[in-house]
Amino acid sequence: MVLGHEAIGGVVQEDGGESIRKGDLVMPVNRRGGCGHCLACLNGRPDFCETGGFVEAGIKGMHGFMRETYWDEERYLVRVPRGG
């Protein structure tokens, strides 16, 4: 398993998404999935899954971000505003 729980990086290639563009600074969402049955998951908060039915980058069921490059779905990327 590739370690690396947290990351920040620049987009080098667009994949036809709607809001992330080449050159944007982004952070990937670490915890994903969820069981789809508990109250937290039903409310769109798999990060608070009560059953443990989630994956977490570099920790549980998913490779982490400690590598030169990685690909991710736009829905799991959060754009970081530049400047102050």
Protein backbone atom coordinates (compact mmCIF):
# COMPACT_ATOMS: atom_id res chain seq x y z
CA MET A 1 0.00 0.00 0.00
CA VAL A 2 1.19 3.50 -0.84
CA LEU A 3 1.25 5.66 2.29
CA GLY A 4 0.39 9.35 2.48
CA HIS A 5 -2.80 10.43 4.17
CA GLU A 6 -2.84 14.07 3.11
CA ALA A 7 -1.77 15.88 -0.05
CA ILE A 8 -1.84 19.12 -1.94
CA GLY A 9 -0.83 19.52 -5.54
CA GLY A 10 -1.29 21.17 -8.88
CA VAL A 11 -3.52 19.86 -11.64
CA VAL A 12 -1.36 18.94 -14.65
CA GLN A 13 -4.07 17.48 -16.87
CA GLU A 14 -7.81 18.09 -17.07
CA ASP A 15 -10.19 15.20 -17.41
CA GLY A 16 -13.24 16.98 -18.83
CA GLY A 17 -14.67 17.99 -15.46
CA GLU A 18 -16.65 21.12 -14.74
CA SER A 19 -14.73 23.02 -12.06
CA ILE A 20 -11.13 21.79 -11.84
CA ARG A 21 -8.72 23.20 -14.42
CA LYS A 22 -5.08 22.69 -15.35
CA GLY A 23 -2.94 24.75 -12.99
CA ASP A 24 -5.44 24.71 -10.10
CA LEU A 25 -4.14 23.89 -6.63
CA VAL A 26 -6.17 21.02 -5.14
CA MET A 27 -6.42 18.79 -2.08
CA PRO A 28 -7.90 15.29 -2.35
CA VAL A 29 -10.58 14.07 0.04
CA ASN A 30 -9.04 11.43 2.33
CA ARG A 31 -12.05 9.41 3.51
CA ARG A 32 -14.49 8.08 0.93
CA GLY A 33 -17.26 5.64 0.40
CA GLY A 34 -19.23 4.73 3.46
CA CYS A 35 -21.70 1.97 4.13
CA GLY A 36 -24.70 3.78 2.63
CA HIS A 37 -26.88 2.63 5.51
CA CYS A 38 -26.01 4.53 8.69
CA LEU A 39 -27.39 8.00 9.42
CA ALA A 40 -24.09 9.74 8.63
CA CYS A 41 -23.76 8.07 5.21
CA LEU A 42 -27.41 8.66 4.36
CA ASN A 43 -26.80 12.35 5.06
CA GLY A 44 -23.80 12.46 2.72
CA ARG A 45 -21.15 12.37 5.46
CA PRO A 46 -19.19 9.14 4.93
CA ASP A 47 -16.36 10.72 6.94
CA PHE A 48 -18.53 9.99 10.01
CA CYS A 49 -19.61 6.47 8.93
CA GLU A 50 -20.84 4.61 12.01
CA THR A 51 -20.12 1.12 10.65
CA GLY A 52 -16.56 1.60 9.42
CA GLY A 53 -17.65 0.88 5.85
CA PHE A 54 -15.39 3.51 4.31
CA VAL A 55 -11.92 3.68 2.76
CA GLU A 56 -9.27 6.16 3.80
CA ALA A 57 -6.29 7.17 1.65
CA GLY A 58 -3.07 5.59 2.84
CA ILE A 59 -4.75 4.06 5.89
CA LYS A 60 -7.62 1.71 5.03
CA GLY A 61 -8.46 0.11 1.69
CA MET A 62 -7.01 2.81 -0.58
CA HIS A 63 -3.51 3.78 -1.67
CA GLY A 64 -2.29 7.11 -0.34
CA PHE A 65 -0.77 10.12 -2.03
CA MET A 66 2.96 9.71 -1.29
CA ARG A 67 3.99 9.48 -4.93
CA GLU A 68 5.07 11.76 -7.76
CA THR A 69 1.66 11.93 -9.45
CA TYR A 70 -1.81 10.46 -9.02
CA TRP A 71 -5.16 10.57 -10.80
CA ASP A 72 -8.42 11.26 -9.01
CA GLU A 73 -12.05 11.92 -9.80
CA GLU A 74 -13.05 15.58 -9.73
CA ARG A 75 -15.69 14.92 -7.05
CA TYR A 76 -12.87 14.01 -4.65
CA LEU A 77 -10.78 17.14 -5.29
CA VAL A 78 -11.21 20.40 -3.40
CA ARG A 79 -9.85 23.49 -5.15
CA VAL A 80 -7.62 25.62 -2.90
CA PRO A 81 -7.89 29.39 -3.54
CA ARG A 82 -4.60 31.07 -4.40
CA GLY A 83 -3.53 34.28 -2.74
CA GLY A 84 -4.84 35.85 0.37
